[in-house]
């Protein structure tokens, strides 16, 4: 199994990335999030792929759980929702247990500028 943040591709050419992230979060985690913050866009491999990836962050908690999550069976998804203390997630980057680029980038954003930046929550 790969440890990763929720994500996916746009279902339609005119789907906005914010709509896609909301859909994917519900499908994969079962949470219906409120405000979604756009944090950055990147080209994952600009020399070979022109795909641009949009990254978002949103608060969640017991009150935002509205569905079972776990992914869509018809898409062959078998997702186990995993919640970790932030420091443990960072350690898992160091040990290689988290090796997904988008997850590493979002965790680093959270540590440098987001909710876990120095001087904020720990």
N, C-alpha and C. Protein backbone atom coordinates (compact mmCIF):
# COMPACT_ATOMS: atom_id res chain seq x y z
N UNK A 1 0.84 -1.18 0.00
CA UNK A 1 0.00 0.00 0.00
C UNK A 1 0.89 1.25 0.00
N UNK A 2 0.40 2.27 -0.65
CA UNK A 2 1.10 3.56 -0.73
C UNK A 2 0.39 4.56 0.17
N UNK A 3 1.13 5.25 1.01
CA UNK A 3 0.55 6.29 1.86
C UNK A 3 0.56 7.58 1.06
N UNK A 4 -0.64 8.15 0.85
CA UNK A 4 -0.73 9.38 0.06
C UNK A 4 -1.93 10.21 0.46
N UNK A 5 -1.85 11.49 0.14
CA UNK A 5 -2.99 12.38 0.35
C UNK A 5 -4.04 12.11 -0.72
N UNK A 6 -5.28 12.49 -0.47
CA UNK A 6 -6.30 12.32 -1.51
C UNK A 6 -5.94 13.11 -2.76
N UNK A 7 -6.30 12.58 -3.91
CA UNK A 7 -6.04 13.28 -5.16
C UNK A 7 -6.59 12.49 -6.33
N UNK A 8 -6.58 13.11 -7.47
CA UNK A 8 -7.06 12.45 -8.67
C UNK A 8 -7.02 13.39 -9.85
N UNK A 9 -7.58 12.93 -10.94
CA UNK A 9 -7.59 13.72 -12.16
C UNK A 9 -8.96 14.37 -12.34
N UNK A 10 -8.98 15.40 -13.17
CA UNK A 10 -10.25 16.06 -13.48
C UNK A 10 -11.11 15.08 -14.26
N UNK A 11 -12.38 14.97 -13.88
CA UNK A 11 -13.30 14.05 -14.56
C UNK A 11 -13.66 14.55 -15.95
N UNK A 12 -13.72 15.86 -16.11
CA UNK A 12 -14.11 16.46 -17.39
C UNK A 12 -13.16 17.62 -17.67
N UNK A 13 -13.04 17.99 -18.95
CA UNK A 13 -12.14 19.08 -19.32
C UNK A 13 -12.50 20.40 -18.64
N UNK A 14 -13.80 20.60 -18.35
CA UNK A 14 -14.20 21.88 -17.76
C UNK A 14 -14.34 21.81 -16.23
N UNK A 15 -13.98 20.68 -15.61
CA UNK A 15 -14.05 20.58 -14.15
C UNK A 15 -12.92 21.42 -13.55
N UNK A 16 -13.25 22.24 -12.58
CA UNK A 16 -12.27 23.07 -11.89
C UNK A 16 -11.52 22.20 -10.88
N UNK A 17 -10.22 22.41 -10.71
CA UNK A 17 -9.45 21.62 -9.74
C UNK A 17 -10.04 21.62 -8.33
N UNK A 18 -10.62 22.75 -7.89
CA UNK A 18 -11.22 22.79 -6.56
C UNK A 18 -12.41 21.83 -6.47
N UNK A 19 -13.20 21.73 -7.53
CA UNK A 19 -14.31 20.78 -7.55
C UNK A 19 -13.77 19.35 -7.48
N UNK A 20 -12.71 19.09 -8.23
CA UNK A 20 -12.12 17.76 -8.26
C UNK A 20 -11.59 17.34 -6.89
N UNK A 21 -10.90 18.27 -6.21
CA UNK A 21 -10.35 17.90 -4.91
C UNK A 21 -11.46 17.63 -3.91
N UNK A 22 -12.53 18.40 -3.95
CA UNK A 22 -13.67 18.14 -3.06
C UNK A 22 -14.26 16.76 -3.32
N UNK A 23 -14.45 16.43 -4.60
CA UNK A 23 -14.99 15.12 -4.98
C UNK A 23 -14.08 14.00 -4.51
N UNK A 24 -12.78 14.14 -4.76
CA UNK A 24 -11.83 13.09 -4.39
C UNK A 24 -11.75 12.90 -2.88
N UNK A 25 -11.80 13.99 -2.12
CA UNK A 25 -11.73 13.89 -0.66
C UNK A 25 -12.93 13.10 -0.14
N UNK A 26 -14.12 13.38 -0.65
CA UNK A 26 -15.30 12.63 -0.22
C UNK A 26 -15.17 11.16 -0.59
N UNK A 27 -14.83 10.89 -1.86
CA UNK A 27 -14.73 9.50 -2.32
C UNK A 27 -13.68 8.72 -1.53
N UNK A 28 -12.53 9.33 -1.30
CA UNK A 28 -11.42 8.60 -0.72
C UNK A 28 -11.41 8.58 0.81
N UNK A 29 -11.84 9.69 1.44
CA UNK A 29 -11.76 9.76 2.91
C UNK A 29 -13.12 9.77 3.60
N UNK A 30 -14.18 10.12 2.87
CA UNK A 30 -15.50 10.23 3.48
C UNK A 30 -15.78 11.58 4.12
N UNK A 31 -14.86 12.53 3.97
CA UNK A 31 -15.04 13.86 4.56
C UNK A 31 -15.55 14.85 3.50
N UNK A 32 -16.54 15.63 3.87
CA UNK A 32 -17.02 16.74 3.05
C UNK A 32 -16.46 18.00 3.67
N UNK A 33 -15.43 18.55 3.03
CA UNK A 33 -14.72 19.68 3.62
C UNK A 33 -15.38 21.00 3.27
N UNK A 34 -15.15 22.00 4.10
CA UNK A 34 -15.66 23.35 3.88
C UNK A 34 -14.72 24.12 2.97
N UNK A 35 -14.13 25.17 3.52
CA UNK A 35 -13.22 26.01 2.74
C UNK A 35 -12.01 25.21 2.27
N UNK A 36 -11.71 25.33 0.99
CA UNK A 36 -10.55 24.67 0.40
C UNK A 36 -9.56 25.75 0.00
N UNK A 37 -8.34 25.65 0.51
CA UNK A 37 -7.30 26.64 0.23
C UNK A 37 -6.37 26.13 -0.87
N UNK A 38 -6.25 26.91 -1.94
CA UNK A 38 -5.29 26.58 -2.99
C UNK A 38 -3.91 26.97 -2.49
N UNK A 39 -2.95 26.03 -2.48
CA UNK A 39 -1.64 26.35 -1.92
C UNK A 39 -0.55 26.50 -2.97
N UNK A 40 -0.60 25.77 -4.07
CA UNK A 40 0.35 25.95 -5.17
C UNK A 40 0.00 25.03 -6.33
N UNK A 41 0.61 25.30 -7.48
CA UNK A 41 0.52 24.47 -8.68
C UNK A 41 1.94 24.13 -9.10
N UNK A 42 2.16 22.91 -9.57
CA UNK A 42 3.50 22.51 -10.01
C UNK A 42 3.41 21.62 -11.25
N UNK A 43 4.51 21.59 -11.97
CA UNK A 43 4.73 20.59 -13.01
C UNK A 43 5.58 19.52 -12.35
N UNK A 44 5.08 18.29 -12.28
CA UNK A 44 5.78 17.24 -11.57
C UNK A 44 7.06 16.80 -12.28
N UNK A 45 7.05 16.82 -13.60
CA UNK A 45 8.23 16.41 -14.36
C UNK A 45 8.26 17.22 -15.66
N UNK A 46 8.65 18.50 -15.57
CA UNK A 46 8.50 19.41 -16.71
C UNK A 46 9.26 19.01 -17.97
N UNK A 47 10.29 18.22 -17.86
CA UNK A 47 11.04 17.83 -19.05
C UNK A 47 10.35 16.77 -19.88
N UNK A 48 9.43 16.04 -19.26
CA UNK A 48 8.80 14.94 -19.99
C UNK A 48 7.28 14.94 -19.98
N UNK A 49 6.67 15.64 -19.04
CA UNK A 49 5.22 15.64 -18.90
C UNK A 49 4.74 17.08 -18.74
N UNK A 50 3.67 17.44 -19.45
CA UNK A 50 3.15 18.80 -19.34
C UNK A 50 2.02 18.92 -18.32
N UNK A 51 1.70 17.84 -17.62
CA UNK A 51 0.63 17.87 -16.63
C UNK A 51 0.99 18.82 -15.49
N UNK A 52 0.05 19.69 -15.19
CA UNK A 52 0.20 20.63 -14.08
C UNK A 52 -0.70 20.15 -12.95
N UNK A 53 -0.16 20.06 -11.74
CA UNK A 53 -0.88 19.53 -10.60
C UNK A 53 -1.19 20.68 -9.64
N UNK A 54 -2.46 20.77 -9.23
CA UNK A 54 -2.91 21.78 -8.28
C UNK A 54 -2.98 21.16 -6.90
N UNK A 55 -2.48 21.87 -5.91
CA UNK A 55 -2.46 21.39 -4.53
C UNK A 55 -3.38 22.26 -3.67
N UNK A 56 -4.14 21.59 -2.80
CA UNK A 56 -5.08 22.26 -1.93
C UNK A 56 -4.95 21.73 -0.51
N UNK A 57 -5.41 22.53 0.44
CA UNK A 57 -5.47 22.11 1.84
C UNK A 57 -6.82 22.50 2.39
N UNK A 58 -7.31 21.71 3.33
CA UNK A 58 -8.60 21.99 3.97
C UNK A 58 -8.63 21.38 5.35
N UNK A 59 -9.32 22.04 6.24
CA UNK A 59 -9.50 21.50 7.59
C UNK A 59 -10.56 20.40 7.55
N UNK A 60 -10.40 19.43 8.44
CA UNK A 60 -11.39 18.37 8.56
C UNK A 60 -11.43 17.91 10.01
N UNK A 61 -12.47 17.20 10.37
CA UNK A 61 -12.61 16.68 11.72
C UNK A 61 -13.82 15.78 11.79
N UNK A 62 -14.18 15.33 12.97
CA UNK A 62 -15.33 14.42 13.10
C UNK A 62 -16.60 14.97 12.45
N UNK A 63 -16.82 16.27 12.53
CA UNK A 63 -18.04 16.87 11.98
C UNK A 63 -18.08 16.86 10.46
N UNK A 64 -16.94 16.71 9.80
CA UNK A 64 -16.93 16.73 8.33
C UNK A 64 -17.08 15.34 7.73
N UNK A 65 -17.06 14.30 8.56
CA UNK A 65 -17.24 12.94 8.03
C UNK A 65 -18.71 12.75 7.65
N UNK A 66 -18.95 12.57 6.36
CA UNK A 66 -20.32 12.44 5.86
C UNK A 66 -20.55 11.15 5.09
N UNK A 67 -19.48 10.43 4.76
CA UNK A 67 -19.57 9.19 3.99
C UNK A 67 -18.55 8.19 4.52
N UNK A 68 -18.62 6.98 4.04
CA UNK A 68 -17.69 5.94 4.49
C UNK A 68 -16.28 6.15 3.96
N UNK A 69 -16.16 6.70 2.75
CA UNK A 69 -14.84 6.82 2.14
C UNK A 69 -14.36 5.48 1.62
N UNK A 70 -13.07 5.38 1.39
CA UNK A 70 -12.50 4.12 0.92
C UNK A 70 -12.38 4.00 -0.58
N UNK A 71 -12.76 5.03 -1.31
CA UNK A 71 -12.65 5.01 -2.76
C UNK A 71 -13.86 4.42 -3.43
N UNK A 72 -13.81 4.42 -4.75
CA UNK A 72 -14.92 3.89 -5.55
C UNK A 72 -14.60 2.48 -6.03
N UNK A 73 -15.46 1.55 -5.66
CA UNK A 73 -15.27 0.16 -6.04
C UNK A 73 -15.19 0.01 -7.57
N UNK A 74 -16.07 0.75 -8.28
CA UNK A 74 -16.11 0.64 -9.74
C UNK A 74 -14.83 1.15 -10.42
N UNK A 75 -14.03 1.92 -9.69
CA UNK A 75 -12.75 2.40 -10.22
C UNK A 75 -11.59 1.55 -9.70
N UNK A 76 -11.92 0.46 -9.01
CA UNK A 76 -10.89 -0.44 -8.50
C UNK A 76 -10.11 0.11 -7.32
N UNK A 77 -10.68 1.09 -6.63
CA UNK A 77 -9.98 1.70 -5.50
C UNK A 77 -10.22 0.89 -4.23
N UNK A 78 -9.16 0.67 -3.49
CA UNK A 78 -9.21 -0.02 -2.20
C UNK A 78 -8.41 0.83 -1.24
N UNK A 79 -9.08 1.80 -0.62
CA UNK A 79 -8.40 2.82 0.18
C UNK A 79 -8.72 2.65 1.65
N UNK A 80 -7.68 2.63 2.46
CA UNK A 80 -7.83 2.63 3.91
C UNK A 80 -7.46 4.03 4.39
N UNK A 81 -8.36 4.67 5.09
CA UNK A 81 -8.10 6.01 5.60
C UNK A 81 -7.15 5.90 6.79
N UNK A 82 -6.06 6.66 6.71
CA UNK A 82 -5.02 6.63 7.72
C UNK A 82 -4.80 8.05 8.22
N UNK A 83 -4.91 8.24 9.53
CA UNK A 83 -4.63 9.54 10.13
C UNK A 83 -3.42 9.38 11.03
N UNK A 84 -2.47 10.32 10.87
CA UNK A 84 -1.22 10.24 11.62
C UNK A 84 -0.93 11.56 12.34
N UNK A 85 -0.25 11.50 13.46
CA UNK A 85 0.25 12.75 14.03
C UNK A 85 1.23 13.38 13.02
N UNK A 86 1.25 14.69 12.96
CA UNK A 86 2.07 15.38 11.96
C UNK A 86 3.54 14.99 12.05
N UNK A 87 4.08 14.98 13.25
CA UNK A 87 5.50 14.64 13.41
C UNK A 87 5.78 13.22 12.91
N UNK A 88 4.86 12.32 13.11
CA UNK A 88 5.03 10.93 12.63
C UNK A 88 5.05 10.91 11.10
N UNK A 89 4.18 11.69 10.47
CA UNK A 89 4.15 11.75 9.01
C UNK A 89 5.49 12.26 8.47
N UNK A 90 6.06 13.28 9.11
CA UNK A 90 7.36 13.79 8.68
C UNK A 90 8.44 12.72 8.84
N UNK A 91 8.39 11.99 9.93
CA UNK A 91 9.35 10.90 10.14
C UNK A 91 9.21 9.83 9.05
N UNK A 92 7.99 9.58 8.63
CA UNK A 92 7.76 8.57 7.58
C UNK A 92 8.35 9.00 6.24
N UNK A 93 8.51 10.30 6.03
CA UNK A 93 9.23 10.76 4.83
C UNK A 93 10.70 10.34 4.96
N UNK A 94 11.28 10.59 6.13
CA UNK A 94 12.69 10.28 6.36
C UNK A 94 12.97 8.79 6.23
N UNK A 95 12.04 7.95 6.68
CA UNK A 95 12.25 6.50 6.63
C UNK A 95 11.87 5.88 5.30
N UNK A 96 11.22 6.67 4.44
CA UNK A 96 10.79 6.13 3.15
C UNK A 96 9.42 5.50 3.18
N UNK A 97 8.75 5.52 4.31
CA UNK A 97 7.41 4.95 4.40
C UNK A 97 6.41 5.81 3.64
N UNK A 98 6.67 7.10 3.54
CA UNK A 98 5.91 7.98 2.66
C UNK A 98 6.85 8.36 1.52
N UNK A 99 6.50 7.93 0.32
CA UNK A 99 7.37 8.15 -0.85
C UNK A 99 6.61 8.81 -2.00
N UNK A 100 5.36 9.18 -1.77
CA UNK A 100 4.54 9.82 -2.80
C UNK A 100 4.90 11.30 -2.86
N UNK A 101 5.28 11.78 -4.04
CA UNK A 101 5.75 13.16 -4.19
C UNK A 101 4.73 14.19 -3.74
N UNK A 102 3.46 14.03 -4.14
CA UNK A 102 2.47 15.05 -3.78
C UNK A 102 2.24 15.09 -2.27
N UNK A 103 2.32 13.95 -1.62
CA UNK A 103 2.15 13.90 -0.17
C UNK A 103 3.32 14.57 0.52
N UNK A 104 4.53 14.30 0.06
CA UNK A 104 5.71 14.93 0.64
C UNK A 104 5.64 16.44 0.46
N UNK A 105 5.25 16.89 -0.72
CA UNK A 105 5.17 18.33 -0.97
C UNK A 105 4.15 19.01 -0.07
N UNK A 106 3.00 18.38 0.12
CA UNK A 106 1.98 18.98 0.99
C UNK A 106 2.41 18.97 2.46
N UNK A 107 3.07 17.90 2.90
CA UNK A 107 3.56 17.89 4.28
C UNK A 107 4.62 18.96 4.49
N UNK A 108 5.48 19.15 3.51
CA UNK A 108 6.49 20.20 3.63
C UNK A 108 5.84 21.58 3.61
N UNK A 109 4.83 21.78 2.79
CA UNK A 109 4.10 23.05 2.80
C UNK A 109 3.50 23.28 4.19
N UNK A 110 2.87 22.24 4.76
CA UNK A 110 2.24 22.38 6.07
C UNK A 110 3.26 22.74 7.14
N UNK A 111 4.49 22.23 7.01
CA UNK A 111 5.54 22.52 7.98
C UNK A 111 6.12 23.92 7.79
N UNK A 112 6.22 24.37 6.55
CA UNK A 112 6.87 25.65 6.27
C UNK A 112 5.93 26.84 6.28
N UNK A 113 4.71 26.66 5.77
CA UNK A 113 3.79 27.79 5.61
C UNK A 113 2.40 27.52 6.14
N UNK A 114 2.05 26.28 6.31
CA UNK A 114 0.69 25.91 6.67
C UNK A 114 0.45 25.84 8.15
N UNK A 115 -0.47 25.01 8.55
CA UNK A 115 -0.92 24.97 9.95
C UNK A 115 0.14 24.48 10.93
N UNK A 116 1.20 23.84 10.46
CA UNK A 116 2.23 23.32 11.37
C UNK A 116 3.53 24.11 11.27
N UNK A 117 3.47 25.28 10.64
CA UNK A 117 4.66 26.14 10.53
C UNK A 117 5.09 26.58 11.93
N UNK A 118 6.38 26.81 12.07
CA UNK A 118 6.94 27.23 13.37
C UNK A 118 6.14 28.41 13.91
N UNK A 119 5.79 28.33 15.17
CA UNK A 119 5.01 29.39 15.79
C UNK A 119 3.51 29.14 15.74
N UNK A 120 3.12 28.07 15.04
CA UNK A 120 1.69 27.71 14.99
C UNK A 120 1.52 26.41 15.76
N UNK A 121 0.48 25.65 15.44
CA UNK A 121 0.21 24.38 16.13
C UNK A 121 1.34 23.40 15.95
N UNK A 122 1.48 22.47 16.83
CA UNK A 122 2.48 21.42 16.70
C UNK A 122 1.77 20.11 16.71
